[in-house]
Amino acid sequence: MDDVYVVEVAVTGPRGAPKDRVAEVAVCRVLSDGSDFETVYNDAVALDPLDLGKGPLDYMEANYSITPEDLYAGSPEGRVVSDLQEAIFGKECTSYNVGNVFGKHLSFEPWDATRNLTLLPSLSVRLPGDLRGPPEQEHILIRRAYDSICPGDPAGVGEGNHAIDLAQMAASVASVLRREGIFRQCFNTRYFVGCLYKSGSSTSKL
């Protein structure tokens, strides 16, 4: 098995492109044996709060704790697009909910982030039903899965919910799945992850 790249985003709203935009993106590389992960990319897109308006600003602050100051501090969108493509093109990639990150956002221009990579199934399909849900709730479900499967905050994200925090939490969950040998063995997922979720065994060594 190859290393897997976990991609997560923070966005301006729940509807997806083209109505909503990517505000932050982060990528973590999960080692093939699930022993560890590392952050390989993290940046914010420079967006003008005055152009976005109150609705998107309220949404980002409520869901990701992103403030107007964070948006001003971001990098030009073209640079973020180029850097993300360099980080993930040619790699095996996934997200907690692929339908959200790629299906609603990164598959569209200017990101076009599915043309030159291998897109694996969502991490959430390998988890119990109460840890799955609509794509627009991905940021909430990642936290719930992380707290359940990786107790004790092994990634040290605290209460953060920016894209980097979401990616690190999702990568922590992916690491556990890989260590348990079920990352691609979907036919065994319900049994093994059900036991993992209930007992909390083998979840503290990330």
C-alpha atoms as a PDB file:
ATOM      1  CA  MET A   1       0.000   0.000   0.000  1.00  0.00           C
ATOM      2  CA  ASP A   2       1.114   3.547  -0.697  1.00  0.00           C
ATOM      3  CA  ASP A   3       0.914   6.530   1.610  1.00  0.00           C
ATOM      4  CA  VAL A   4      -2.479   8.222   1.492  1.00  0.00           C
ATOM      5  CA  TYR A   5      -3.037  11.982   1.362  1.00  0.00           C
ATOM      6  CA  VAL A   6      -5.979  13.266   3.389  1.00  0.00           C
ATOM      7  CA  VAL A   7      -7.382  16.533   2.028  1.00  0.00           C
ATOM      8  CA  GLU A   8      -9.760  18.821   3.939  1.00  0.00           C
ATOM      9  CA  VAL A   9     -11.150  22.294   3.260  1.00  0.00           C
ATOM     10  CA  ALA A  10     -12.902  25.169   4.964  1.00  0.00           C
ATOM     11  CA  VAL A  11     -15.456  26.867   2.724  1.00  0.00           C
ATOM     12  CA  THR A  12     -17.645  29.943   2.562  1.00  0.00           C
ATOM     13  CA  GLY A  13     -20.939  28.020   2.682  1.00  0.00           C
ATOM     14  CA  PRO A  14     -22.650  24.619   2.501  1.00  0.00           C
ATOM     15  CA  ARG A  15     -23.879  24.716  -1.104  1.00  0.00           C
ATOM     16  CA  GLY A  16     -20.659  23.943  -2.965  1.00  0.00           C
ATOM     17  CA  ALA A  17     -19.165  25.464  -6.107  1.00  0.00           C
ATOM     18  CA  PRO A  18     -19.805  27.777  -7.823  1.00  0.00           C
ATOM     19  CA  LYS A  19     -21.928  29.472  -5.150  1.00  0.00           C
ATOM     20  CA  ASP A  20     -19.428  28.831  -2.360  1.00  0.00           C
ATOM     21  CA  ARG A  21     -15.653  29.081  -2.401  1.00  0.00           C
ATOM     22  CA  VAL A  22     -12.739  27.359  -0.721  1.00  0.00           C
ATOM     23  CA  ALA A  23     -11.256  29.555   2.007  1.00  0.00           C
ATOM     24  CA  GLU A  24      -8.651  27.148   3.412  1.00  0.00           C
ATOM     25  CA  VAL A  25      -7.147  23.829   2.352  1.00  0.00           C
ATOM     26  CA  ALA A  26      -4.871  21.389   4.169  1.00  0.00           C
ATOM     27  CA  VAL A  27      -3.263  18.037   3.316  1.00  0.00           C
ATOM     28  CA  CYS A  28      -1.817  15.367   5.605  1.00  0.00           C
ATOM     29  CA  ARG A  29       0.161  12.342   4.450  1.00  0.00           C
ATOM     30  CA  VAL A  30      -0.725   9.139   6.298  1.00  0.00           C
ATOM     31  CA  LEU A  31       2.048   6.551   6.232  1.00  0.00           C
ATOM     32  CA  SER A  32       1.236   3.259   4.564  1.00  0.00           C
ATOM     33  CA  ASP A  33       1.391   1.301   7.824  1.00  0.00           C
ATOM     34  CA  GLY A  34      -0.671   3.857   9.766  1.00  0.00           C
ATOM     35  CA  SER A  35       2.125   4.462  12.246  1.00  0.00           C
ATOM     36  CA  ASP A  36       2.094   8.241  11.839  1.00  0.00           C
ATOM     37  CA  PHE A  37       1.112  11.162   9.634  1.00  0.00           C
ATOM     38  CA  GLU A  38       2.559  14.511   8.697  1.00  0.00           C
ATOM     39  CA  THR A  39       1.106  17.782   7.454  1.00  0.00           C
ATOM     40  CA  VAL A  40       2.381  18.451   3.955  1.00  0.00           C
ATOM     41  CA  TYR A  41       0.349  21.512   2.971  1.00  0.00           C
ATOM     42  CA  ASN A  42      -1.800  24.159   4.616  1.00  0.00           C
ATOM     43  CA  ASP A  43      -2.805  27.609   3.390  1.00  0.00           C
ATOM     44  CA  ALA A  44      -5.698  30.066   3.263  1.00  0.00           C
ATOM     45  CA  VAL A  45      -7.047  31.812   0.186  1.00  0.00           C
ATOM     46  CA  ALA A  46      -6.997  35.601   0.239  1.00  0.00           C
ATOM     47  CA  LEU A  47     -10.661  36.612   0.026  1.00  0.00           C
ATOM     48  CA  ASP A  48     -12.092  40.087   0.430  1.00  0.00           C
ATOM     49  CA  PRO A  49     -14.647  40.068   3.272  1.00  0.00           C
ATOM     50  CA  LEU A  50     -16.456  42.998   1.656  1.00  0.00           C
ATOM     51  CA  ASP A  51     -16.998  40.959  -1.507  1.00  0.00           C
ATOM     52  CA  LEU A  52     -18.216  37.897   0.411  1.00  0.00           C
ATOM     53  CA  GLY A  53     -20.873  39.613   2.497  1.00  0.00           C
ATOM     54  CA  LYS A  54     -22.345  38.871   5.893  1.00  0.00           C
ATOM     55  CA  GLY A  55     -23.784  35.395   5.213  1.00  0.00           C
ATOM     56  CA  PRO A  56     -20.514  33.695   4.213  1.00  0.00           C
ATOM     57  CA  LEU A  57     -18.579  35.545   6.908  1.00  0.00           C
ATOM     58  CA  ASP A  58     -21.013  34.399   9.591  1.00  0.00           C
ATOM     59  CA  TYR A  59     -20.911  30.846   8.233  1.00  0.00           C
ATOM     60  CA  MET A  60     -17.122  30.637   8.305  1.00  0.00           C
ATOM     61  CA  GLU A  61     -16.838  32.094  11.784  1.00  0.00           C
ATOM     62  CA  ALA A  62     -19.537  29.787  13.178  1.00  0.00           C
ATOM     63  CA  ASN A  63     -18.216  26.609  11.541  1.00  0.00           C
ATOM     64  CA  TYR A  64     -14.463  27.140  11.210  1.00  0.00           C
ATOM     65  CA  SER A  65     -13.638  30.103  13.480  1.00  0.00           C
ATOM     66  CA  ILE A  66     -12.364  31.926  10.398  1.00  0.00           C
ATOM     67  CA  THR A  67     -12.365  35.694  10.836  1.00  0.00           C
ATOM     68  CA  PRO A  68     -12.049  38.509   8.273  1.00  0.00           C
ATOM     69  CA  GLU A  69      -8.466  38.981   9.467  1.00  0.00           C
ATOM     70  CA  ASP A  70      -7.720  35.367   8.516  1.00  0.00           C
ATOM     71  CA  LEU A  71      -9.018  36.007   5.009  1.00  0.00           C
ATOM     72  CA  TYR A  72      -6.842  39.079   4.527  1.00  0.00           C
ATOM     73  CA  ALA A  73      -3.794  37.042   5.594  1.00  0.00           C
ATOM     74  CA  GLY A  74      -4.328  34.356   2.937  1.00  0.00           C
ATOM     75  CA  SER A  75      -2.365  33.747  -0.250  1.00  0.00           C
ATOM     76  CA  PRO A  76      -3.573  34.500  -3.798  1.00  0.00           C
ATOM     77  CA  GLU A  77      -5.965  31.821  -4.998  1.00  0.00           C
ATOM     78  CA  GLY A  78      -3.822  30.928  -8.012  1.00  0.00           C
ATOM     79  CA  ARG A  79      -0.848  30.202  -5.773  1.00  0.00           C
ATOM     80  CA  VAL A  80      -2.908  28.036  -3.410  1.00  0.00           C
ATOM     81  CA  VAL A  81      -4.342  26.115  -6.368  1.00  0.00           C
ATOM     82  CA  SER A  82      -0.881  25.500  -7.809  1.00  0.00           C
ATOM     83  CA  ASP A  83       0.601  24.470  -4.465  1.00  0.00           C
ATOM     84  CA  LEU A  84      -2.270  22.101  -3.716  1.00  0.00           C
ATOM     85  CA  GLN A  85      -2.022  20.458  -7.117  1.00  0.00           C
ATOM     86  CA  GLU A  86       1.713  19.989  -6.618  1.00  0.00           C
ATOM     87  CA  ALA A  87       1.077  18.392  -3.219  1.00  0.00           C
ATOM     88  CA  ILE A  88      -1.565  15.884  -4.325  1.00  0.00           C
ATOM     89  CA  PHE A  89      -1.306  15.247  -8.057  1.00  0.00           C
ATOM     90  CA  GLY A  90      -0.057  11.732  -8.711  1.00  0.00           C
ATOM     91  CA  LYS A  91      -1.005  10.648  -5.178  1.00  0.00           C
ATOM     92  CA  GLU A  92      -3.722   8.483  -3.614  1.00  0.00           C
ATOM     93  CA  CYS A  93      -6.098  10.913  -1.903  1.00  0.00           C
ATOM     94  CA  THR A  94      -9.158  10.821   0.283  1.00  0.00           C
ATOM     95  CA  SER A  95     -11.174  12.956   2.710  1.00  0.00           C
ATOM     96  CA  TYR A  96     -13.483  12.241   5.580  1.00  0.00           C
ATOM     97  CA  ASN A  97     -16.264  12.853   3.050  1.00  0.00           C
ATOM     98  CA  VAL A  98     -14.957  12.834  -0.516  1.00  0.00           C
ATOM     99  CA  GLY A  99     -18.357  13.975  -1.774  1.00  0.00           C
ATOM    100  CA  ASN A 100     -17.922  17.205   0.145  1.00  0.00           C
ATOM    101  CA  VAL A 101     -14.267  18.078  -0.403  1.00  0.00           C
ATOM    102  CA  PHE A 102     -13.889  16.897  -3.982  1.00  0.00           C
ATOM    103  CA  GLY A 103     -17.472  16.446  -5.172  1.00  0.00           C
ATOM    104  CA  LYS A 104     -18.689  19.870  -4.075  1.00  0.00           C
ATOM    105  CA  HIS A 105     -15.514  21.947  -4.220  1.00  0.00           C
ATOM    106  CA  LEU A 106     -12.151  20.723  -5.516  1.00  0.00           C
ATOM    107  CA  SER A 107     -13.459  19.072  -8.691  1.00  0.00           C
ATOM    108  CA  PHE A 108     -14.378  22.484 -10.077  1.00  0.00           C
ATOM    109  CA  GLU A 109     -12.253  25.223 -11.587  1.00  0.00           C
ATOM    110  CA  PRO A 110      -9.887  26.651 -10.675  1.00  0.00           C
ATOM    111  CA  TRP A 111      -8.924  23.648  -8.517  1.00  0.00           C
ATOM    112  CA  ASP A 112      -9.594  20.855 -11.021  1.00  0.00           C
ATOM    113  CA  ALA A 113      -8.067  18.543  -8.416  1.00  0.00           C
ATOM    114  CA  THR A 114      -9.277  15.142  -9.587  1.00  0.00           C
ATOM    115  CA  ARG A 115      -7.723  14.934 -13.035  1.00  0.00           C
ATOM    116  CA  ASN A 116      -4.260  13.700 -12.067  1.00  0.00           C
ATOM    117  CA  LEU A 117      -4.727  11.786  -8.829  1.00  0.00           C
ATOM    118  CA  THR A 118      -6.297   8.591  -7.519  1.00  0.00           C
ATOM    119  CA  LEU A 119      -9.357   9.357  -5.444  1.00  0.00           C
ATOM    120  CA  LEU A 120     -10.110   6.737  -2.787  1.00  0.00           C
ATOM    121  CA  PRO A 121     -13.470   6.255  -1.004  1.00  0.00           C
ATOM    122  CA  SER A 122     -14.371   8.467   1.937  1.00  0.00           C
ATOM    123  CA  LEU A 123     -12.968   7.602   5.353  1.00  0.00           C
ATOM    124  CA  SER A 124     -16.488   7.888   6.749  1.00  0.00           C
ATOM    125  CA  VAL A 125     -17.769   4.857   4.812  1.00  0.00           C
ATOM    126  CA  ARG A 126     -15.603   2.685   7.048  1.00  0.00           C
ATOM    127  CA  LEU A 127     -17.137   4.044  10.253  1.00  0.00           C
ATOM    128  CA  PRO A 128     -20.348   3.386  12.208  1.00  0.00           C
ATOM    129  CA  GLY A 129     -23.513   5.050  10.971  1.00  0.00           C
ATOM    130  CA  ASP A 130     -23.591   7.730  13.644  1.00  0.00           C
ATOM    131  CA  LEU A 131     -20.219   8.999  12.394  1.00  0.00           C
ATOM    132  CA  ARG A 132     -21.547   9.527   8.869  1.00  0.00           C
ATOM    133  CA  GLY A 133     -23.845  12.208   7.555  1.00  0.00           C
ATOM    134  CA  PRO A 134     -24.510  14.864   4.896  1.00  0.00           C
ATOM    135  CA  PRO A 135     -21.472  16.377   3.153  1.00  0.00           C
ATOM    136  CA  GLU A 136     -22.152  19.835   4.578  1.00  0.00           C
ATOM    137  CA  GLN A 137     -21.734  18.419   8.100  1.00  0.00           C
ATOM    138  CA  GLU A 138     -18.274  17.005   7.433  1.00  0.00           C
ATOM    139  CA  HIS A 139     -16.501  19.384   9.827  1.00  0.00           C
ATOM    140  CA  ILE A 140     -18.849  18.347  12.647  1.00  0.00           C
ATOM    141  CA  LEU A 141     -18.560  14.628  11.899  1.00  0.00           C
ATOM    142  CA  ILE A 142     -14.756  14.731  11.727  1.00  0.00           C
ATOM    143  CA  ARG A 143     -14.642  16.064  15.272  1.00  0.00           C
ATOM    144  CA  ARG A 144     -17.112  13.434  16.464  1.00  0.00           C
ATOM    145  CA  ALA A 145     -15.151  10.605  14.837  1.00  0.00           C
ATOM    146  CA  TYR A 146     -11.831  11.922  16.126  1.00  0.00           C
ATOM    147  CA  ASP A 147     -13.082  12.209  19.701  1.00  0.00           C
ATOM    148  CA  SER A 148     -14.562   8.712  19.508  1.00  0.00           C
ATOM    149  CA  ILE A 149     -11.777   6.818  17.761  1.00  0.00           C
ATOM    150  CA  CYS A 150      -8.734   8.839  18.855  1.00  0.00           C
ATOM    151  CA  PRO A 151      -9.421   9.781  22.499  1.00  0.00           C
ATOM    152  CA  GLY A 152      -7.082  12.141  24.276  1.00  0.00           C
ATOM    153  CA  ASP A 153      -6.478  14.461  21.304  1.00  0.00           C
ATOM    154  CA  PRO A 154      -3.321  12.683  20.041  1.00  0.00           C
ATOM    155  CA  ALA A 155      -2.897  15.195  17.197  1.00  0.00           C
ATOM    156  CA  GLY A 156      -2.997  18.129  19.614  1.00  0.00           C
ATOM    157  CA  VAL A 157      -5.632  20.092  17.701  1.00  0.00           C
ATOM    158  CA  GLY A 158      -7.452  21.257  20.818  1.00  0.00           C
ATOM    159  CA  GLU A 159     -10.677  23.048  19.933  1.00  0.00           C
ATOM    160  CA  GLY A 160      -9.421  24.159  16.525  1.00  0.00           C
ATOM    161  CA  ASN A 161     -11.606  23.692  13.471  1.00  0.00           C
ATOM    162  CA  HIS A 162      -9.667  25.342  10.657  1.00  0.00           C
ATOM    163  CA  ALA A 163      -8.854  23.214   7.606  1.00  0.00           C
ATOM    164  CA  ILE A 164      -5.531  22.152   9.143  1.00  0.00           C
ATOM    165  CA  ASP A 165      -7.308  20.917  12.280  1.00  0.00           C
ATOM    166  CA  LEU A 166      -9.853  18.990  10.215  1.00  0.00           C
ATOM    167  CA  ALA A 167      -7.091  17.401   8.132  1.00  0.00           C
ATOM    168  CA  GLN A 168      -5.109  16.374  11.192  1.00  0.00           C
ATOM    169  CA  MET A 169      -8.161  14.878  12.868  1.00  0.00           C
ATOM    170  CA  ALA A 170      -9.160  13.013   9.711  1.00  0.00           C
ATOM    171  CA  ALA A 171      -5.571  11.807   9.258  1.00  0.00           C
ATOM    172  CA  SER A 172      -5.591  10.533  12.838  1.00  0.00           C
ATOM    173  CA  VAL A 173      -8.711   8.502  12.079  1.00  0.00           C
ATOM    174  CA  ALA A 174      -7.155   7.256   8.825  1.00  0.00           C
ATOM    175  CA  SER A 175      -4.037   6.178  10.719  1.00  0.00           C
ATOM    176  CA  VAL A 176      -6.113   4.037  13.057  1.00  0.00           C
ATOM    177  CA  LEU A 177      -7.946   2.454  10.131  1.00  0.00           C
ATOM    178  CA  ARG A 178      -4.660   1.665   8.409  1.00  0.00           C
ATOM    179  CA  ARG A 179      -3.116   0.173  11.543  1.00  0.00           C
ATOM    180  CA  GLU A 180      -6.160  -2.041  11.930  1.00  0.00           C
ATOM    181  CA  GLY A 181      -5.683  -3.229   8.349  1.00  0.00           C
ATOM    182  CA  ILE A 182      -9.114  -2.145   7.150  1.00  0.00           C
ATOM    183  CA  PHE A 183      -8.417   1.006   5.173  1.00  0.00           C
ATOM    184  CA  ARG A 184      -9.308  -0.680   1.871  1.00  0.00           C
ATOM    185  CA  GLN A 185     -11.053  -3.820   3.115  1.00  0.00           C
ATOM    186  CA  CYS A 186     -14.565  -2.435   3.110  1.00  0.00           C
ATOM    187  CA  PHE A 187     -16.175  -5.859   3.460  1.00  0.00           C
ATOM    188  CA  ASN A 188     -14.704  -6.090   6.992  1.00  0.00           C
ATOM    189  CA  THR A 189     -15.201  -2.477   7.949  1.00  0.00           C
ATOM    190  CA  ARG A 190     -18.443  -2.682   9.919  1.00  0.00           C
ATOM    191  CA  TYR A 191     -17.208  -5.478  12.171  1.00  0.00           C
ATOM    192  CA  PHE A 192     -13.735  -4.194  12.934  1.00  0.00           C
ATOM    193  CA  VAL A 193     -14.515  -0.486  13.270  1.00  0.00           C
ATOM    194  CA  GLY A 194     -17.603  -1.260  15.330  1.00  0.00           C
ATOM    195  CA  CYS A 195     -15.357  -3.026  17.850  1.00  0.00           C
ATOM    196  CA  LEU A 196     -12.788  -0.249  17.621  1.00  0.00           C
ATOM    197  CA  TYR A 197     -15.394   2.424  18.211  1.00  0.00           C
ATOM    198  CA  LYS A 198     -16.916   0.696  21.234  1.00  0.00           C
ATOM    199  CA  SER A 199     -13.769  -0.391  23.017  1.00  0.00           C
ATOM    200  CA  GLY A 200     -11.424   2.455  22.121  1.00  0.00           C
ATOM    201  CA  SER A 201      -8.618  -0.106  21.818  1.00  0.00           C
ATOM    202  CA  SER A 202      -5.519   0.659  19.752  1.00  0.00           C
ATOM    203  CA  THR A 203      -6.530   4.297  19.354  1.00  0.00           C
ATOM    204  CA  SER A 204      -4.062   6.140  21.510  1.00  0.00           C
ATOM    205  CA  LYS A 205      -0.807   5.443  19.673  1.00  0.00           C
ATOM    206  CA  LEU A 206      -0.841   7.933  16.858  1.00  0.00           C
END
